[in-house]
Protein backbone atom coordinates (compact mmCIF):
# COMPACT_ATOMS: atom_id res chain seq x y z
CA ALA A 1 -8.63 0.28 -26.52
CA SER A 2 -6.96 0.41 -23.14
CA SER A 3 -8.31 -2.09 -20.65
CA ALA A 4 -10.27 -1.23 -17.55
CA ILE A 5 -7.60 -2.87 -15.43
CA LEU A 6 -4.87 -0.72 -16.91
CA LEU A 7 -6.88 2.46 -16.49
CA THR A 8 -7.40 1.83 -12.80
CA GLY A 9 -3.83 0.78 -11.97
CA SER A 10 -1.43 3.22 -10.34
CA ALA A 11 1.27 2.01 -12.73
CA TRP A 12 -0.82 3.07 -15.72
CA LYS A 13 -1.53 6.50 -14.28
CA ARG A 14 2.14 7.13 -13.60
CA CYS A 15 3.27 5.91 -17.01
CA THR A 16 0.87 8.18 -18.87
CA CYS A 17 2.39 11.22 -17.18
CA ALA A 18 5.23 12.29 -19.45
CA PRO A 19 8.51 11.94 -17.52
CA LYS A 20 11.52 14.13 -18.16
CA TYR A 21 13.06 11.26 -20.08
CA ALA A 22 10.80 8.32 -20.83
CA GLY A 23 13.34 6.06 -22.51
CA ASP A 24 12.58 3.78 -25.44
CA VAL A 25 11.69 0.37 -24.01
CA ASP A 26 13.23 -1.56 -26.91
CA GLU A 27 16.54 0.23 -26.45
CA LEU A 28 16.39 -0.17 -22.68
CA VAL A 29 15.75 -3.90 -23.00
CA ARG A 30 18.56 -4.24 -25.52
CA TRP A 31 21.26 -2.82 -23.27
CA ILE A 32 19.82 -4.39 -20.13
CA VAL A 33 20.10 -7.85 -21.68
CA THR A 34 23.49 -7.41 -23.38
CA THR A 35 25.46 -5.31 -20.87
CA PRO A 36 27.43 -7.15 -18.16
CA ARG A 37 26.23 -6.75 -14.60
CA GLU A 38 28.54 -4.03 -13.24
CA PRO A 39 28.44 -1.76 -16.32
CA ALA A 40 24.64 -2.27 -16.42
CA MET A 41 24.37 -1.00 -12.85
CA GLN A 42 26.46 2.04 -13.75
CA ARG A 43 24.49 2.78 -16.91
CA GLY A 44 21.18 2.33 -15.14
CA ALA A 45 22.26 4.82 -12.48
CA ARG A 46 23.41 7.33 -15.10
CA GLU A 47 20.16 7.11 -17.04
CA LEU A 48 18.05 7.44 -13.92
CA CYS A 49 20.01 10.51 -12.86
CA ALA A 50 19.59 11.90 -16.40
CA GLY A 51 15.82 11.72 -15.96
CA LEU A 52 14.81 8.17 -16.95
CA ALA A 53 11.53 7.37 -15.20
CA PRO A 54 12.08 4.58 -12.63
CA THR A 55 8.81 3.02 -13.73
CA ARG A 56 10.08 2.79 -17.31
CA LEU A 57 13.25 1.05 -16.16
CA LEU A 58 11.11 -1.40 -14.18
CA GLY A 59 8.99 -2.07 -17.25
CA ALA A 60 12.07 -2.79 -19.32
CA VAL A 61 13.36 -5.20 -16.67
CA LEU A 62 10.02 -7.04 -16.83
CA VAL A 63 10.39 -7.54 -20.59
CA ALA A 64 14.06 -8.49 -20.30
CA ALA A 65 13.26 -11.05 -17.62
CA ALA A 66 10.42 -12.54 -19.68
CA ARG A 67 12.71 -12.92 -22.68
CA ASP A 68 15.84 -14.08 -20.87
CA ILE A 69 14.84 -16.08 -17.75
CA ARG A 70 13.10 -19.38 -18.31
CA THR A 71 10.01 -20.34 -16.30
CA ASP A 72 9.98 -24.07 -16.89
CA LEU A 73 12.33 -24.68 -13.95
CA PRO A 74 11.52 -24.64 -10.21
CA THR A 75 13.94 -21.73 -9.61
CA PHE A 76 11.36 -19.54 -11.34
CA ASN A 77 11.59 -16.01 -12.75
CA HIS A 78 11.77 -13.93 -9.59
CA ALA A 79 13.33 -11.07 -11.54
CA ALA A 80 9.98 -10.54 -13.27
CA LEU A 81 8.00 -10.88 -10.04
CA SER A 82 10.12 -8.28 -8.26
CA VAL A 83 9.04 -5.62 -10.80
CA SER A 84 5.42 -5.47 -9.67
CA ALA A 85 6.22 -5.77 -5.96
CA ILE A 86 8.72 -2.92 -6.12
CA ASP A 87 6.35 -0.77 -8.16
CA GLN A 88 3.55 -1.35 -5.64
CA LEU A 89 5.72 -0.68 -2.63
CA THR A 90 7.29 2.52 -3.98
CA ASP A 91 4.13 4.08 -5.38
CA GLY A 92 4.04 7.59 -3.94
CA ALA A 93 7.62 7.43 -2.64
CA SER A 94 10.26 10.07 -3.33
CA LEU A 95 12.08 10.03 -6.65
CA VAL A 96 15.31 8.97 -4.94
CA THR A 97 13.58 6.00 -3.31
CA ARG A 98 12.01 4.93 -6.59
CA GLN A 99 15.34 5.25 -8.41
CA ARG A 100 17.06 3.20 -5.76
CA ASN A 101 14.57 0.36 -5.87
CA ALA A 102 14.36 0.32 -9.67
CA LEU A 103 18.15 -0.03 -9.80
CA TRP A 104 17.94 -2.83 -7.22
CA CYS A 105 15.53 -4.62 -9.57
CA LEU A 106 17.88 -4.19 -12.53
CA ASP A 107 20.82 -5.61 -10.59
CA TYR A 108 18.74 -8.53 -9.34
CA PHE A 109 17.85 -9.39 -12.94
CA LYS A 110 21.50 -9.24 -14.02
CA GLU A 111 22.46 -11.58 -11.19
CA ALA A 112 19.71 -14.04 -12.13
CA GLN A 113 20.66 -13.81 -15.81
CA ALA A 114 24.31 -14.55 -15.03
CA ALA A 115 23.40 -17.51 -12.82
CA GLU A 116 21.23 -19.00 -15.55
CA ALA A 117 23.88 -18.43 -18.21
CA ARG A 118 26.31 -20.57 -16.24
CA ASN A 119 23.97 -23.55 -16.60
CA ASP A 120 21.90 -22.98 -19.73
CA ASP A 121 22.08 -19.68 -21.58
CA TRP A 122 18.39 -19.71 -22.51
CA ARG A 123 16.69 -17.11 -24.71
CA MET A 124 13.02 -16.97 -25.61
CA PRO A 125 12.87 -18.44 -29.14
CA ALA A 126 11.10 -16.81 -32.05
CA VAL A 127 7.80 -18.33 -33.22
CA GLU A 128 7.17 -18.92 -36.90
CA SER A 129 4.30 -16.72 -38.05
CA SER A 130 3.09 -19.43 -40.41
CA ARG A 131 2.30 -21.68 -37.43
CA LEU A 132 0.12 -19.18 -35.58
CA PRO A 133 -3.63 -19.68 -35.23
CA SER A 134 -5.78 -16.58 -34.97
CA GLY A 135 -9.00 -15.39 -33.35
CA ALA A 136 -11.32 -18.07 -32.01
CA ALA A 137 -9.01 -20.77 -33.33
CA ALA A 138 -6.14 -19.37 -31.26
CA ARG A 139 -8.24 -19.35 -28.12
CA ALA A 140 -9.39 -22.92 -28.72
CA ALA A 141 -5.82 -23.99 -29.43
CA LEU A 142 -4.63 -22.45 -26.16
CA VAL A 143 -7.37 -24.17 -24.16
CA ASP A 144 -6.54 -27.48 -25.81
CA ALA A 145 -2.81 -27.09 -25.13
CA LEU A 146 -3.36 -26.13 -21.49
CA GLU A 147 -5.73 -29.03 -20.95
CA ARG A 148 -3.09 -31.39 -22.39
CA TRP A 149 -0.24 -29.69 -20.47
CA ASP A 150 1.56 -29.20 -23.79
CA ARG A 151 4.11 -26.39 -23.43
CA GLU A 152 5.15 -26.13 -27.07
CA ALA A 153 1.56 -26.01 -28.35
CA ALA A 154 0.59 -23.50 -25.66
CA ASP A 155 3.50 -21.25 -26.63
CA VAL A 156 2.36 -21.09 -30.25
CA ALA A 157 -1.28 -20.62 -29.27
CA ILE A 158 -0.70 -17.77 -26.80
CA VAL A 159 1.25 -15.81 -29.42
CA GLY A 160 -1.59 -16.23 -31.92
CA PHE A 161 -4.16 -15.29 -29.28
CA VAL A 162 -2.30 -12.14 -28.18
CA ARG A 163 -1.92 -11.00 -31.79
CA SER A 164 -5.59 -11.43 -32.65
CA ALA A 165 -7.62 -10.61 -29.51
CA PRO A 166 -7.98 -7.74 -27.01
CA LEU A 167 -5.55 -8.05 -24.12
CA ASP A 168 -8.33 -8.25 -21.53
CA GLU A 169 -9.81 -11.20 -23.39
CA VAL A 170 -6.45 -12.95 -23.39
CA TYR A 171 -5.88 -12.37 -19.70
CA ALA A 172 -9.41 -13.53 -18.93
CA LEU A 173 -8.46 -16.98 -20.19
CA VAL A 174 -5.00 -16.90 -18.66
CA TRP A 175 -6.52 -16.02 -15.30
CA GLU A 176 -8.94 -18.92 -15.59
CA TYR A 177 -5.96 -21.31 -15.59
CA ALA A 178 -3.80 -19.31 -13.18
CA PRO A 179 -5.33 -20.96 -10.04
CA ARG A 180 -5.12 -24.47 -11.48
CA CYS A 181 -1.99 -25.71 -9.76
CA VAL A 182 -0.29 -24.69 -6.52
CA GLY A 183 2.84 -26.51 -7.68
CA ASN A 184 6.09 -24.56 -7.37
CA ILE A 185 4.67 -22.97 -4.20
CA GLY A 186 2.06 -20.87 -5.95
CA HIS A 187 4.32 -19.07 -8.40
CA LYS A 188 2.09 -19.88 -11.38
CA GLY A 189 -0.82 -17.86 -10.00
CA ILE A 190 1.49 -15.21 -8.57
CA TYR A 191 3.11 -14.60 -11.95
CA ALA A 192 -0.26 -14.44 -13.72
CA ALA A 193 -1.42 -11.67 -11.41
CA LEU A 194 1.83 -9.72 -11.01
CA SER A 195 2.54 -9.73 -14.74
CA ARG A 196 -0.78 -8.00 -15.36
CA ARG A 197 -0.04 -5.45 -12.68
CA ALA A 198 3.41 -4.68 -14.08
CA LEU A 199 2.71 -4.77 -17.83
CA PRO A 200 1.61 -1.09 -18.04
CA LEU A 201 5.13 -0.10 -16.98
CA ALA A 202 6.42 -1.39 -20.32
CA GLY A 203 3.31 -1.12 -22.50
CA ASP A 204 0.74 -3.44 -24.02
CA ARG A 205 2.85 -4.20 -27.07
CA TYR A 206 5.15 -6.29 -24.88
CA ALA A 207 2.30 -8.50 -23.69
CA GLU A 208 3.30 -11.25 -26.10
CA ASP A 209 6.70 -11.82 -24.48
CA VAL A 210 5.35 -11.53 -20.95
CA LEU A 211 2.43 -13.87 -21.54
CA ARG A 212 4.62 -16.46 -23.25
CA SER A 213 6.68 -16.50 -20.07
CA VAL A 214 3.59 -16.71 -17.85
CA VAL A 215 1.92 -19.51 -19.81
CA SER A 216 5.16 -21.50 -19.90
CA SER A 217 5.22 -21.39 -16.10
CA PHE A 218 1.75 -22.98 -15.97
CA LEU A 219 3.11 -26.20 -17.47
CA LEU A 220 5.97 -26.76 -15.02
CA ASP A 221 6.01 -30.39 -13.78
CA GLY A 222 2.91 -31.29 -15.80
CA ARG A 223 -0.23 -32.59 -14.15
CA THR A 224 0.21 -33.67 -10.51
CA ARG A 225 -2.15 -34.23 -7.59
CA ARG A 226 -1.82 -30.52 -6.74
CA ALA A 227 -4.04 -29.74 -9.73
CA GLU A 228 -6.83 -32.13 -8.70
CA PRO A 229 -8.89 -29.61 -6.64
CA PHE A 230 -9.13 -27.41 -9.75
CA ASP A 231 -11.28 -29.91 -11.61
CA ARG A 232 -13.75 -29.95 -8.73
CA SER A 233 -13.71 -26.17 -8.42
CA ARG A 234 -14.36 -25.75 -12.12
CA GLU A 235 -17.32 -28.11 -11.97
CA LEU A 236 -18.79 -26.16 -9.06
CA VAL A 237 -18.53 -22.72 -10.71
CA VAL A 238 -19.43 -23.76 -14.25
CA ARG A 239 -22.33 -21.27 -14.28
CA ALA A 240 -21.23 -19.27 -11.24
CA ILE A 241 -22.71 -20.03 -7.83
CA VAL A 242 -25.75 -17.91 -6.98
CA PRO A 243 -26.39 -17.13 -3.26
CA ARG A 244 -29.86 -18.07 -2.10
CA VAL A 245 -30.25 -15.35 0.54
CA PRO A 246 -27.33 -12.92 0.88
CA ARG A 247 -25.94 -12.46 4.39
CA ALA A 248 -24.69 -9.16 5.74
CA VAL A 249 -21.09 -8.24 5.08
CA THR A 250 -20.71 -7.71 8.82
CA ASP A 251 -21.69 -11.33 9.52
CA ILE A 252 -18.30 -12.99 10.12
CA GLY A 253 -19.80 -16.38 10.99
CA PRO A 254 -18.99 -17.81 7.54
CA ALA A 255 -15.43 -16.51 7.79
CA ARG A 256 -14.91 -18.26 11.12
CA GLU A 257 -16.39 -21.42 9.66
CA LEU A 258 -14.09 -21.25 6.64
CA LEU A 259 -11.02 -20.57 8.76
CA GLY A 260 -11.82 -23.61 10.87
CA ALA A 261 -12.34 -25.76 7.77
CA ILE A 262 -8.96 -24.81 6.29
CA ARG A 263 -7.32 -25.82 9.57
CA GLN A 264 -8.91 -29.25 9.46
CA HIS A 265 -9.52 -30.37 5.88
CA ALA A 266 -7.44 -31.57 2.95
CA PRO A 267 -7.14 -29.35 -0.17
CA GLU A 268 -9.54 -31.44 -2.24
CA ALA A 269 -12.26 -31.00 0.40
CA MET A 270 -12.18 -27.20 0.27
CA PRO A 271 -13.95 -26.37 -3.04
CA PRO A 272 -17.34 -27.86 -2.04
CA ILE A 273 -17.08 -26.25 1.41
CA LEU A 274 -16.53 -22.85 -0.20
CA ALA A 275 -19.28 -23.42 -2.74
CA LYS A 276 -21.76 -24.17 0.04
CA LEU A 277 -20.79 -21.03 1.95
CA ILE A 278 -21.28 -18.92 -1.18
CA ALA A 279 -24.63 -20.57 -1.94
CA ASP A 280 -25.71 -19.97 1.67
CA GLY A 281 -25.18 -16.24 1.14
CA ALA A 282 -21.78 -15.53 2.66
CA ALA A 283 -20.39 -12.21 1.42
CA THR A 284 -17.41 -12.65 -0.89
CA SER A 285 -15.37 -10.09 1.04
CA THR A 286 -16.05 -12.02 4.25
CA LEU A 287 -14.74 -15.23 2.71
CA TRP A 288 -11.62 -13.47 1.46
CA ASP A 289 -11.10 -12.18 4.99
CA ALA A 290 -10.90 -15.79 6.12
CA MET A 291 -8.58 -16.67 3.27
CA VAL A 292 -6.14 -13.92 4.22
CA ALA A 293 -6.30 -14.89 7.90
CA ALA A 294 -5.62 -18.54 7.04
CA ALA A 295 -2.66 -17.62 4.84
CA CYS A 296 -1.24 -15.45 7.63
CA GLU A 297 -1.47 -18.39 10.02
CA VAL A 298 0.64 -20.53 7.69
CA ALA A 299 3.22 -17.77 7.26
CA VAL A 300 3.52 -17.35 11.02
CA ALA A 301 3.33 -21.02 12.00
CA SER A 302 6.40 -21.95 9.95
CA PRO A 303 8.49 -18.87 9.17
CA GLY A 304 10.42 -19.32 5.97
CA ILE A 305 10.44 -18.96 2.20
CA VAL A 306 7.90 -21.72 1.48
CA SER A 307 5.25 -20.71 4.00
CA LEU A 308 5.26 -16.99 3.16
CA HIS A 309 4.13 -17.97 -0.34
CA ALA A 310 0.81 -18.97 1.19
CA PHE A 311 0.28 -15.25 1.74
CA THR A 312 1.66 -13.93 -1.55
CA ALA A 313 -0.26 -16.59 -3.49
CA THR A 314 -3.49 -15.68 -1.69
CA ASN A 315 -2.91 -12.01 -2.44
CA SER A 316 -2.40 -12.80 -6.13
CA LEU A 317 -5.55 -14.91 -6.42
CA HIS A 318 -7.41 -12.19 -4.52
CA TYR A 319 -6.20 -9.68 -7.12
CA ILE A 320 -7.44 -11.92 -9.93
CA ALA A 321 -10.81 -12.30 -8.22
CA ARG A 322 -11.16 -8.54 -7.68
CA HIS A 323 -10.23 -7.60 -11.24
CA SER A 324 -11.78 -10.41 -13.24
CA ARG A 325 -14.74 -9.44 -15.41
CA SER A 326 -16.19 -12.91 -14.89
CA GLU A 327 -17.96 -13.84 -11.66
CA ARG A 328 -17.27 -17.46 -12.50
CA VAL A 329 -13.50 -16.86 -12.66
CA ALA A 330 -13.64 -14.76 -9.49
CA GLN A 331 -15.34 -17.64 -7.67
CA LEU A 332 -12.86 -20.09 -9.16
CA ALA A 333 -9.99 -18.04 -7.74
CA LEU A 334 -11.68 -18.04 -4.31
CA LEU A 335 -12.30 -21.78 -4.24
CA GLN A 336 -8.77 -22.50 -5.38
CA ALA A 337 -7.28 -20.06 -2.86
CA ALA A 338 -8.82 -22.21 -0.12
CA ALA A 339 -7.46 -25.39 -1.66
CA TRP A 340 -4.03 -23.81 -2.05
CA THR A 341 -3.87 -22.60 1.55
CA ALA A 342 -4.94 -26.02 2.80
CA GLU A 343 -2.09 -27.47 0.73
CA PHE A 344 0.40 -25.07 2.31
CA ARG A 345 -1.00 -25.90 5.73
CA ARG A 346 -0.61 -29.61 5.10
CA GLY A 347 3.13 -29.03 4.98
CA LEU A 348 3.27 -27.78 8.57
CA GLU A 349 4.68 -29.91 11.35
CA LYS A 350 2.20 -31.14 13.96
CA ASP A 351 3.21 -28.64 16.63
CA GLU A 352 3.08 -25.83 14.08
CA ASP A 353 -0.32 -27.02 12.91
CA ALA A 354 -1.71 -26.09 16.32
CA VAL A 355 -0.84 -22.41 15.94
CA ARG A 356 -3.84 -20.08 16.10
CA ILE A 357 -3.06 -16.45 15.38
CA ASP A 358 -6.52 -15.39 16.52
CA GLU A 359 -5.55 -16.49 20.01
CA LYS A 360 -2.21 -14.67 19.95
CA ALA A 361 -2.51 -11.73 17.57
CA ARG A 362 -2.26 -8.26 18.98
CA GLY A 363 -5.23 -5.95 19.14
CA THR A 364 -6.13 -3.31 16.60
CA ASP A 365 -4.52 -0.38 18.45
CA GLU A 366 -1.93 1.54 16.43
CA LEU A 367 -2.29 -0.72 13.40
CA ASP A 368 -2.38 2.20 10.97
CA GLY A 369 0.86 3.50 12.41
CA PHE A 370 2.48 0.08 12.18
CA PHE A 371 1.55 -0.39 8.52
CA GLU A 372 2.79 3.07 7.59
CA ARG A 373 6.10 2.40 9.33
CA ALA A 374 6.27 -0.96 7.54
CA ARG A 375 5.82 0.79 4.20
CA LEU A 376 8.70 3.17 4.90
CA ILE A 377 10.96 0.39 6.19
CA GLY A 378 10.11 -1.79 3.20
CA ARG A 379 11.07 0.95 0.78
CA THR A 380 14.48 1.45 2.39
CA LYS A 381 15.43 -1.93 3.88
CA CYS A 382 14.01 -4.68 1.64
CA ASP A 383 16.94 -6.50 0.06
CA ASP A 384 15.40 -9.76 -1.08
CA VAL A 385 12.69 -10.42 -3.65
CA HIS A 386 10.57 -12.25 -1.06
CA GLU A 387 10.76 -9.30 1.31
CA PHE A 388 9.50 -7.03 -1.45
CA LYS A 389 6.73 -9.46 -2.46
CA LEU A 390 5.46 -10.11 1.07
CA THR A 391 5.61 -6.48 2.17
CA ALA A 392 3.73 -5.26 -0.92
CA ALA A 393 1.12 -8.02 -0.59
CA ALA A 394 0.62 -7.49 3.15
CA LEU A 395 0.21 -3.74 2.87
CA GLU A 396 -2.36 -4.19 0.12
CA GLU A 397 -4.35 -6.79 2.05
CA ALA A 398 -4.24 -4.63 5.18
CA GLU A 399 -6.25 -2.05 3.24
CA LEU A 400 -8.74 -4.60 1.87
CA VAL A 401 -9.62 -6.85 4.81
CA SER A 402 -11.96 -6.23 7.72
CA GLY A 403 -10.65 -4.94 11.01
CA TRP A 404 -10.57 -8.33 12.73
CA VAL A 405 -8.11 -9.67 10.12
CA ARG A 406 -5.64 -6.80 10.25
CA PRO A 407 -3.82 -8.16 13.35
CA PHE A 408 -3.28 -11.40 11.40
CA VAL A 409 -1.66 -9.38 8.60
CA ARG A 410 0.48 -7.50 11.09
CA ALA A 411 1.70 -10.72 12.69
CA SER A 412 2.71 -12.13 9.31
CA LEU A 413 4.40 -8.95 8.11
CA GLU A 414 6.18 -8.28 11.38
CA LEU A 415 7.77 -11.72 11.31
CA HIS A 416 9.08 -11.59 7.75
CA MET A 417 9.91 -7.95 7.01
CA PRO A 418 13.41 -6.52 7.57
CA GLY A 419 14.20 -4.66 10.76
CA GLN A 420 14.93 -0.94 10.73
CA GLU A 421 18.33 -1.55 12.33
CA ARG A 422 19.49 -4.21 9.89
CA PRO A 423 22.66 -3.14 8.05
CA ASP A 424 22.36 -2.71 4.30
CA GLY A 425 23.45 -5.71 2.27
CA ALA A 426 26.00 -5.69 -0.55
CA ARG A 427 23.39 -5.03 -3.26
CA LEU A 428 21.89 -2.03 -1.46
CA GLU A 429 25.37 -0.61 -0.91
CA ARG A 430 26.27 -1.09 -4.59
CA VAL A 431 23.03 0.61 -5.65
CA ALA A 432 23.71 3.58 -3.35
CA ASP A 433 27.30 3.89 -4.59
CA ALA A 434 26.26 3.75 -8.26
CA LEU A 435 23.63 6.47 -7.79
CA ALA A 436 26.05 8.63 -5.81
CA VAL A 437 28.67 8.45 -8.57
CA ALA A 438 26.11 9.10 -11.32
CA SER A 439 24.53 12.06 -9.53
CA ALA A 440 27.93 13.66 -8.95
CA ARG A 441 28.66 13.85 -12.67
């Protein structure tokens, strides 16, 4: 049966509408992986102009990236992450805009694939069927492997689990471990969330490849101090924290308290602080408001690639919390989001640590207009995977948070997004040229 998450996702709704030319995913993946970069750009443009659904091309890129870009290195698999961000950002855009951005994603993958081939031409290896556990044994084997940080054992276990359990059940466990470690600037949790968002573009039958890639990323660098807050968080939410007397959603006192705590405390101190706020009745949405505001402060205090991941990581854990069927896992994601943001904040310089967006952020006037302009600019000017990721995450959070947090989101987005007047880069020009040639045929 299709999962509830898939049924509510815009990607799922678009993919179930029969396009003029859907394209067989296996065939798409085959030529995407084997065709050199320039001919792949040309073929992608021709197929899009012949009626290939941009969402189907994105789905095929996701599978190709999972199979052909390793995730056990710090460089990470940004080609896979760009799929979901581009799909989110271009939802509802014109066909031409969606074609353009899907082709950008294809070319980005080919560039990443070529760069990796120069060092280590990795391919996802086959797994021997005789080694695979099944059912409850597969789940137990995956838990055991993750607890021991054993990549090889986890790879075998996740294949067995995917082949013998409903996809939602598999992702429920994967999402439980997604917030464990902020190592590699949050990409482990980001990939766990974005892979789920993007999987409908290809189809459930490709979950095995995608989840092997995701789980492999969890084991990068092994156990370090960055995973220590997770143990405390897991202890605190073992049976889910029950509020004693719920406070009104409009009561932002707990949010202000949490924001102040993140500014002052170390990552390992955050889980019990969050647990107390939940037990004291703070509304979950109010606490996530504070989390988004805190992540925005980091992104603004130290503009750059590392700090903006505080925001995209928070957005990903927020997605997991909103879509998890388990209140315990949702609370785990919240507690860990606070620990992660405190870790990002710890990396700020002293003068940057004093930044307070709430003292400098603009008012709420014209925010809707700003975010709509940002969406249009993002669709036409983004030319870097981080620009796509941040813009998609910021626009989503702007719709979810309370009014007092929206200026924080604006400040973060305004600093990192491309300007309307910025000239197109070489990749955008190549994409436009390829589509122009293909459409003229």
